[in-house]
N, C-alpha and C. Protein backbone atom coordinates (compact mmCIF):
# COMPACT_ATOMS: atom_id res chain seq x y z
N MET A 1 95.53 75.50 114.28
CA MET A 1 94.52 76.61 114.04
C MET A 1 93.13 75.71 113.67
N ALA A 2 92.14 76.23 114.47
CA ALA A 2 90.88 75.47 114.44
C ALA A 2 90.01 75.97 113.22
N TYR A 3 88.86 75.13 112.91
CA TYR A 3 87.96 75.41 111.71
C TYR A 3 87.73 76.80 111.48
N GLY A 4 87.24 77.45 112.78
CA GLY A 4 86.75 78.81 112.83
C GLY A 4 87.74 79.83 112.49
N LYS A 5 88.96 79.61 113.01
CA LYS A 5 90.02 80.61 112.69
C LYS A 5 90.51 80.59 111.16
N ARG A 6 90.44 79.25 110.66
CA ARG A 6 90.79 79.09 109.25
C ARG A 6 89.71 79.72 108.44
N PHE A 7 88.48 79.56 108.80
CA PHE A 7 87.35 80.08 107.88
C PHE A 7 87.37 81.56 108.00
N GLU A 8 87.82 82.13 109.17
CA GLU A 8 87.81 83.72 109.26
C GLU A 8 88.98 84.22 108.46
N GLN A 9 90.17 83.23 108.42
CA GLN A 9 91.21 83.86 107.72
C GLN A 9 90.89 83.81 106.28
N PHE A 10 90.19 82.76 105.73
CA PHE A 10 89.77 82.80 104.36
C PHE A 10 88.77 83.91 103.99
N ILE A 11 87.71 84.13 104.82
CA ILE A 11 86.83 85.14 104.36
C ILE A 11 87.45 86.67 104.50
N THR A 12 88.41 86.74 105.37
CA THR A 12 89.21 88.04 105.52
C THR A 12 90.07 88.26 104.40
N ASP A 13 90.78 87.18 104.02
CA ASP A 13 91.68 87.11 102.66
C ASP A 13 90.85 87.49 101.35
N LYS A 14 89.65 86.93 101.44
CA LYS A 14 88.82 87.13 100.10
C LYS A 14 87.93 88.43 100.18
N LYS A 15 88.01 89.12 101.39
CA LYS A 15 87.14 90.35 101.76
C LYS A 15 85.72 89.87 101.36
N LEU A 16 85.24 88.76 102.13
CA LEU A 16 83.85 88.53 101.91
C LEU A 16 83.14 88.97 103.20
N SER A 17 82.20 89.53 103.25
CA SER A 17 81.27 89.79 104.27
C SER A 17 80.37 88.71 104.63
N PRO A 18 80.12 88.24 106.00
CA PRO A 18 79.37 87.31 106.24
C PRO A 18 77.93 87.35 105.61
N THR A 19 77.34 88.55 105.41
CA THR A 19 76.01 88.78 104.78
C THR A 19 76.08 88.32 103.20
N ARG A 20 77.30 88.69 102.63
CA ARG A 20 77.36 88.52 101.12
C ARG A 20 77.48 86.95 101.03
N LEU A 21 78.37 86.41 101.93
CA LEU A 21 78.58 85.04 101.85
C LEU A 21 77.18 84.20 102.00
N ALA A 22 76.55 84.66 103.06
CA ALA A 22 75.29 83.96 103.49
C ALA A 22 74.37 83.91 102.08
N GLU A 23 74.23 85.08 101.44
CA GLU A 23 73.50 85.16 100.29
C GLU A 23 74.01 84.27 99.22
N GLU A 24 75.25 84.23 99.00
CA GLU A 24 75.65 83.37 98.03
C GLU A 24 75.57 81.88 98.08
N LEU A 25 75.64 81.47 99.49
CA LEU A 25 75.52 80.11 99.80
C LEU A 25 74.10 79.66 100.09
N GLY A 26 73.11 80.60 100.13
CA GLY A 26 71.76 80.51 100.43
C GLY A 26 71.55 79.91 101.86
N ALA A 27 72.34 80.45 102.70
CA ALA A 27 72.37 80.25 104.17
C ALA A 27 72.04 81.41 104.96
N SER A 28 71.91 81.28 106.15
CA SER A 28 71.58 82.35 107.13
C SER A 28 72.91 82.98 107.62
N ARG A 29 72.76 84.14 108.00
CA ARG A 29 73.98 84.85 108.57
C ARG A 29 74.54 84.06 109.89
N GLY A 30 73.42 83.59 110.45
CA GLY A 30 73.71 82.66 111.69
C GLY A 30 74.71 81.40 111.37
N THR A 31 74.41 80.82 110.18
CA THR A 31 75.18 79.80 109.75
C THR A 31 76.63 80.12 109.55
N ILE A 32 76.76 81.32 108.79
CA ILE A 32 78.05 81.90 108.65
C ILE A 32 78.81 82.24 109.75
N TYR A 33 78.11 82.84 110.74
CA TYR A 33 78.86 83.08 112.10
C TYR A 33 79.17 81.82 112.95
N ASN A 34 78.37 80.83 112.74
CA ASN A 34 78.82 79.44 113.22
C ASN A 34 80.00 79.10 112.61
N TYR A 35 80.15 79.14 111.44
CA TYR A 35 81.39 78.70 110.57
C TYR A 35 82.54 79.54 111.15
N LYS A 36 82.23 80.77 111.28
CA LYS A 36 83.42 81.70 111.60
C LYS A 36 83.86 81.49 113.20
N ASN A 37 82.78 81.19 113.95
CA ASN A 37 83.25 80.98 115.40
C ASN A 37 83.77 79.57 115.73
N GLY A 38 83.59 78.75 114.72
CA GLY A 38 84.03 77.27 114.81
C GLY A 38 83.07 76.29 115.56
N THR A 39 81.74 76.78 115.77
CA THR A 39 80.66 76.00 116.41
C THR A 39 80.25 74.97 115.40
N SER A 40 80.34 75.37 114.06
CA SER A 40 79.81 74.36 113.08
C SER A 40 81.02 74.30 112.08
N VAL A 41 81.06 73.06 111.50
CA VAL A 41 81.93 72.75 110.31
C VAL A 41 81.24 73.11 109.17
N ILE A 42 81.96 73.64 108.13
CA ILE A 42 81.15 74.01 106.87
C ILE A 42 80.60 72.79 106.28
N SER A 43 79.46 72.82 105.80
CA SER A 43 78.78 71.73 105.28
C SER A 43 79.31 71.30 103.86
N PRO A 44 79.25 69.95 103.49
CA PRO A 44 80.02 69.62 102.38
C PRO A 44 79.57 70.40 101.04
N ALA A 45 78.18 70.76 100.84
CA ALA A 45 77.78 71.59 99.81
C ALA A 45 78.41 72.86 99.85
N HIS A 46 78.51 73.50 101.03
CA HIS A 46 79.12 74.84 101.05
C HIS A 46 80.58 74.92 100.76
N LEU A 47 81.22 73.63 101.25
CA LEU A 47 82.86 73.58 101.08
C LEU A 47 83.02 73.47 99.63
N LYS A 48 82.25 72.70 98.80
CA LYS A 48 82.30 72.46 97.47
C LYS A 48 82.17 73.67 96.77
N TYR A 49 81.16 74.49 96.96
CA TYR A 49 80.93 75.88 96.44
C TYR A 49 82.04 76.70 96.71
N LEU A 50 82.61 76.88 98.04
CA LEU A 50 83.79 77.72 98.24
C LEU A 50 84.97 77.27 97.64
N LYS A 51 85.13 75.93 97.24
CA LYS A 51 86.29 75.51 96.49
C LYS A 51 86.09 76.04 95.01
N GLU A 52 84.92 75.64 94.36
CA GLU A 52 84.71 76.01 92.97
C GLU A 52 84.71 77.50 92.85
N GLN A 53 84.24 78.26 93.56
CA GLN A 53 84.07 79.78 93.42
C GLN A 53 85.18 80.55 93.74
N TYR A 54 85.96 80.10 94.94
CA TYR A 54 86.94 80.85 95.47
C TYR A 54 88.36 80.13 95.60
N GLY A 55 88.30 78.78 95.27
CA GLY A 55 89.64 78.12 95.37
C GLY A 55 90.05 77.64 96.78
N LEU A 56 89.06 77.67 97.75
CA LEU A 56 89.28 77.17 99.12
C LEU A 56 89.80 75.69 99.02
N ASN A 57 90.89 75.42 99.58
CA ASN A 57 91.52 74.17 99.73
C ASN A 57 90.60 73.40 100.76
N PRO A 58 89.76 72.34 100.62
CA PRO A 58 89.14 71.56 101.66
C PRO A 58 90.06 70.93 102.62
N ASP A 59 91.20 70.50 102.14
CA ASP A 59 92.23 70.00 103.20
C ASP A 59 92.73 71.00 104.12
N TRP A 60 93.08 72.14 103.59
CA TRP A 60 93.54 73.09 104.52
C TRP A 60 92.45 73.59 105.59
N TYR A 61 91.14 73.73 105.05
CA TYR A 61 90.03 74.10 105.77
C TYR A 61 89.88 73.03 106.96
N LEU A 62 89.77 71.71 106.54
CA LEU A 62 89.29 70.63 107.57
C LEU A 62 90.64 70.28 108.33
N ASP A 63 91.89 70.15 108.00
CA ASP A 63 93.04 69.49 108.54
C ASP A 63 94.13 70.48 108.89
N GLY A 64 93.93 71.70 108.03
CA GLY A 64 95.05 72.63 108.22
C GLY A 64 96.27 72.22 107.39
N GLU A 65 96.00 71.27 106.56
CA GLU A 65 97.15 70.71 105.58
C GLU A 65 97.18 71.38 104.23
N GLY A 66 98.33 71.86 103.80
CA GLY A 66 98.49 72.34 102.49
C GLY A 66 98.38 73.93 102.56
N GLU A 67 98.10 74.47 101.37
CA GLU A 67 97.92 76.03 101.24
C GLU A 67 96.32 76.24 101.40
N MET A 68 96.05 77.57 101.54
CA MET A 68 94.63 77.87 101.79
C MET A 68 93.94 77.69 100.50
N TYR A 69 94.50 77.96 99.38
CA TYR A 69 94.00 77.79 98.16
C TYR A 69 94.44 76.61 97.28
N VAL A 70 93.56 76.05 96.56
CA VAL A 70 94.02 74.85 95.70
C VAL A 70 94.52 75.62 94.42
N ILE A 71 95.43 74.95 93.56
CA ILE A 71 96.07 75.41 92.51
C ILE A 71 95.16 74.81 91.42
N PRO A 72 94.41 75.43 90.64
CA PRO A 72 93.45 75.03 89.50
C PRO A 72 94.19 74.13 88.57
N SER A 73 93.33 73.18 88.37
CA SER A 73 94.02 72.20 87.27
C SER A 73 93.54 72.65 85.94
N ILE A 74 94.45 73.09 85.08
CA ILE A 74 94.07 73.64 83.71
C ILE A 74 93.60 72.59 82.74
N GLY A 75 94.19 71.55 82.82
CA GLY A 75 93.54 70.39 82.00
C GLY A 75 93.64 70.79 80.51
N ASN A 76 92.68 70.49 79.77
CA ASN A 76 92.48 70.69 78.43
C ASN A 76 91.84 72.11 78.00
N ASN A 77 91.49 72.81 79.04
CA ASN A 77 90.94 74.14 78.73
C ASN A 77 91.54 75.07 80.01
N LEU A 78 90.98 76.22 79.81
CA LEU A 78 91.52 77.30 80.88
C LEU A 78 90.37 77.78 81.78
N THR A 79 89.53 76.87 82.22
CA THR A 79 88.41 77.33 83.16
C THR A 79 88.95 77.59 84.56
N GLY A 80 90.15 77.25 84.87
CA GLY A 80 90.73 77.54 86.23
C GLY A 80 91.22 79.00 86.36
N ILE A 81 91.19 79.75 85.28
CA ILE A 81 91.67 81.12 85.44
C ILE A 81 90.52 81.97 86.32
N ASN A 82 91.02 82.57 87.37
CA ASN A 82 90.07 83.30 88.27
C ASN A 82 89.77 84.69 87.60
N GLU A 83 88.88 85.43 88.24
CA GLU A 83 88.31 86.76 87.79
C GLU A 83 89.59 87.80 87.77
N ALA A 84 90.38 87.70 88.76
CA ALA A 84 91.41 88.70 88.86
C ALA A 84 92.42 88.66 87.61
N MET A 85 92.76 87.47 87.26
CA MET A 85 93.65 86.97 86.21
C MET A 85 92.93 87.40 84.77
N THR A 86 91.58 87.21 84.81
CA THR A 86 90.80 87.55 83.65
C THR A 86 90.89 89.00 83.21
N ASP A 87 90.81 89.72 84.38
CA ASP A 87 90.85 91.29 84.30
C ASP A 87 92.17 91.66 83.81
N VAL A 88 93.31 91.12 84.44
CA VAL A 88 94.56 91.40 83.94
C VAL A 88 94.86 91.00 82.54
N LEU A 89 94.51 89.97 82.05
CA LEU A 89 94.51 89.55 80.57
C LEU A 89 93.68 90.50 79.68
N LEU A 90 92.47 90.96 80.17
CA LEU A 90 91.70 91.85 79.41
C LEU A 90 92.57 93.15 79.12
N LYS A 91 93.03 93.65 80.30
CA LYS A 91 93.75 94.89 80.06
C LYS A 91 94.99 94.75 79.20
N ILE A 92 95.82 93.50 79.32
CA ILE A 92 96.94 93.32 78.39
C ILE A 92 96.32 93.27 76.92
N TYR A 93 95.17 92.55 76.97
CA TYR A 93 94.69 92.46 75.43
C TYR A 93 94.44 93.78 74.90
N GLU A 94 93.78 94.69 75.56
CA GLU A 94 93.32 96.00 75.19
C GLU A 94 94.46 96.95 74.75
N ALA A 95 95.62 96.57 75.28
CA ALA A 95 96.80 97.30 75.04
C ALA A 95 97.61 96.82 73.80
N LEU A 96 97.18 95.71 73.31
CA LEU A 96 97.77 95.05 72.19
C LEU A 96 97.48 95.66 70.70
N PRO A 97 98.57 95.65 69.77
CA PRO A 97 98.05 96.00 68.45
C PRO A 97 97.34 95.02 67.89
N VAL A 98 96.69 95.53 66.71
CA VAL A 98 95.62 94.65 65.96
C VAL A 98 96.28 93.21 65.76
N ALA A 99 97.66 93.14 65.23
CA ALA A 99 98.25 91.98 64.87
C ALA A 99 98.30 90.93 65.96
N GLU A 100 98.66 91.29 67.23
CA GLU A 100 98.67 90.45 68.36
C GLU A 100 97.31 90.15 68.72
N LYS A 101 96.36 91.03 68.69
CA LYS A 101 94.99 90.61 69.04
C LYS A 101 94.35 89.57 68.15
N HIS A 102 94.89 89.52 66.93
CA HIS A 102 94.49 88.47 65.96
C HIS A 102 95.01 87.02 66.54
N LEU A 103 96.25 87.02 67.07
CA LEU A 103 96.75 85.86 67.66
C LEU A 103 96.05 85.34 68.78
N VAL A 104 95.73 86.33 69.65
CA VAL A 104 94.89 86.18 70.88
C VAL A 104 93.64 85.59 70.54
N GLY A 105 92.92 86.12 69.51
CA GLY A 105 91.57 85.83 69.02
C GLY A 105 91.75 84.31 68.56
N GLN A 106 92.78 83.96 67.90
CA GLN A 106 92.85 82.59 67.39
C GLN A 106 93.01 81.55 68.64
N LEU A 107 93.81 81.98 69.61
CA LEU A 107 93.96 81.15 70.86
C LEU A 107 92.70 81.08 71.55
N LYS A 108 92.01 82.23 71.69
CA LYS A 108 90.75 82.11 72.29
C LYS A 108 89.72 81.15 71.62
N ASP A 109 89.54 81.28 70.27
CA ASP A 109 88.79 80.21 69.57
C ASP A 109 89.12 78.88 69.88
N LEU A 110 90.46 78.49 70.02
CA LEU A 110 90.84 77.20 70.30
C LEU A 110 90.49 76.67 71.78
N ILE A 111 90.68 77.69 72.70
CA ILE A 111 90.21 77.45 74.00
C ILE A 111 88.70 77.12 74.11
N GLU A 112 88.04 77.95 73.46
CA GLU A 112 86.54 77.84 73.58
C GLU A 112 86.02 76.46 72.86
N LYS A 113 86.62 76.03 71.92
CA LYS A 113 86.48 74.67 71.45
C LYS A 113 87.02 73.56 72.21
N GLN A 114 87.71 73.81 73.24
CA GLN A 114 88.34 72.84 74.14
C GLN A 114 89.16 72.07 73.39
N GLN A 115 90.04 72.65 72.46
CA GLN A 115 90.97 71.81 71.81
C GLN A 115 92.41 72.18 72.19
N VAL A 116 92.60 72.82 73.28
CA VAL A 116 93.78 73.35 73.70
C VAL A 116 94.52 72.11 74.32
N HIS A 117 95.53 71.58 73.73
CA HIS A 117 96.46 70.55 74.36
C HIS A 117 97.87 71.19 74.22
N PHE A 118 98.38 71.38 75.52
CA PHE A 118 99.74 72.13 75.43
C PHE A 118 100.83 71.09 75.26
N SER A 119 100.94 70.36 74.22
CA SER A 119 102.02 69.58 73.85
C SER A 119 103.01 70.39 73.08
N GLU A 120 104.29 69.91 72.74
CA GLU A 120 105.29 70.80 71.98
C GLU A 120 104.79 71.15 70.80
N SER A 121 104.03 70.35 70.19
CA SER A 121 103.62 70.59 68.77
C SER A 121 102.23 71.15 68.51
N SER A 122 101.63 71.58 69.55
CA SER A 122 100.19 72.13 69.72
C SER A 122 100.13 73.46 68.90
N GLU A 123 99.03 73.62 68.33
CA GLU A 123 98.77 75.08 67.58
C GLU A 123 98.55 76.05 68.71
N ALA A 124 98.00 75.77 69.77
CA ALA A 124 97.95 76.84 70.79
C ALA A 124 99.30 77.13 71.29
N LEU A 125 100.15 76.30 71.62
CA LEU A 125 101.43 76.60 72.15
C LEU A 125 102.13 77.32 71.22
N GLN A 126 102.14 77.06 69.97
CA GLN A 126 102.83 77.86 68.80
C GLN A 126 102.32 79.31 68.77
N LEU A 127 100.89 79.33 68.94
CA LEU A 127 100.45 80.75 69.04
C LEU A 127 100.95 81.59 70.24
N LEU A 128 100.96 80.86 71.48
CA LEU A 128 101.55 81.55 72.66
C LEU A 128 102.95 81.91 72.41
N LYS A 129 103.80 81.13 71.83
CA LYS A 129 105.09 81.37 71.67
C LYS A 129 105.29 82.65 70.66
N GLU A 130 104.51 82.52 69.61
CA GLU A 130 104.65 83.74 68.54
C GLU A 130 104.24 85.08 69.29
N LEU A 131 103.00 85.05 70.24
CA LEU A 131 102.61 86.13 70.82
C LEU A 131 103.76 86.54 71.88
N ASN A 132 104.38 85.74 72.64
CA ASN A 132 105.34 86.15 73.51
C ASN A 132 106.44 86.68 72.64
N GLU A 133 107.00 86.29 71.81
CA GLU A 133 108.09 86.73 70.95
C GLU A 133 107.73 88.07 70.44
N LYS A 134 106.61 88.37 69.95
CA LYS A 134 106.28 89.55 69.35
C LYS A 134 106.30 90.73 70.57
N ILE A 135 105.66 90.36 71.72
CA ILE A 135 105.63 91.19 72.90
C ILE A 135 107.15 91.44 73.36
N ASN A 136 107.89 90.43 73.66
CA ASN A 136 109.37 90.56 73.91
C ASN A 136 110.06 91.48 73.16
N ASN A 137 109.91 91.31 71.76
CA ASN A 137 110.60 92.07 70.77
C ASN A 137 110.38 93.55 70.93
N ARG A 138 109.02 93.96 71.24
CA ARG A 138 108.68 95.27 71.41
C ARG A 138 109.12 95.94 72.77
N LEU A 139 109.39 94.87 73.74
CA LEU A 139 109.80 95.43 75.10
C LEU A 139 111.35 95.71 75.09
N LEU A 140 112.05 95.10 74.26
CA LEU A 140 113.55 95.17 74.20
C LEU A 140 113.96 96.45 73.42
């Protein structure tokens, strides 16, 4: 599959219009159509933006290797969570009783301070286990 076809597959999958994408990238619609038609390769700056904002895998776009999207590296914080996951987590949070919301609040505070280290003894992992146990007990 050529560049243009992979780009078209990506924008279709993300439901991005060429006009919207042009605005986001600060590019002309003509540039986006050139990417889509395969007459131009995505510029390095645009490729970086698409990776950071939408998870586009540069290797997949350039060489057709790997998956379309990169798997975000969580590292010591949760900045890799995308908007859809955030929406799901917010809906779950809103449905939780007060006690579980307190646990989520503690976990959120740790994450915001970038003190989350998911080792077996970490406070964050313990909070996640406790929350999971309470939710599982309610579901059983």
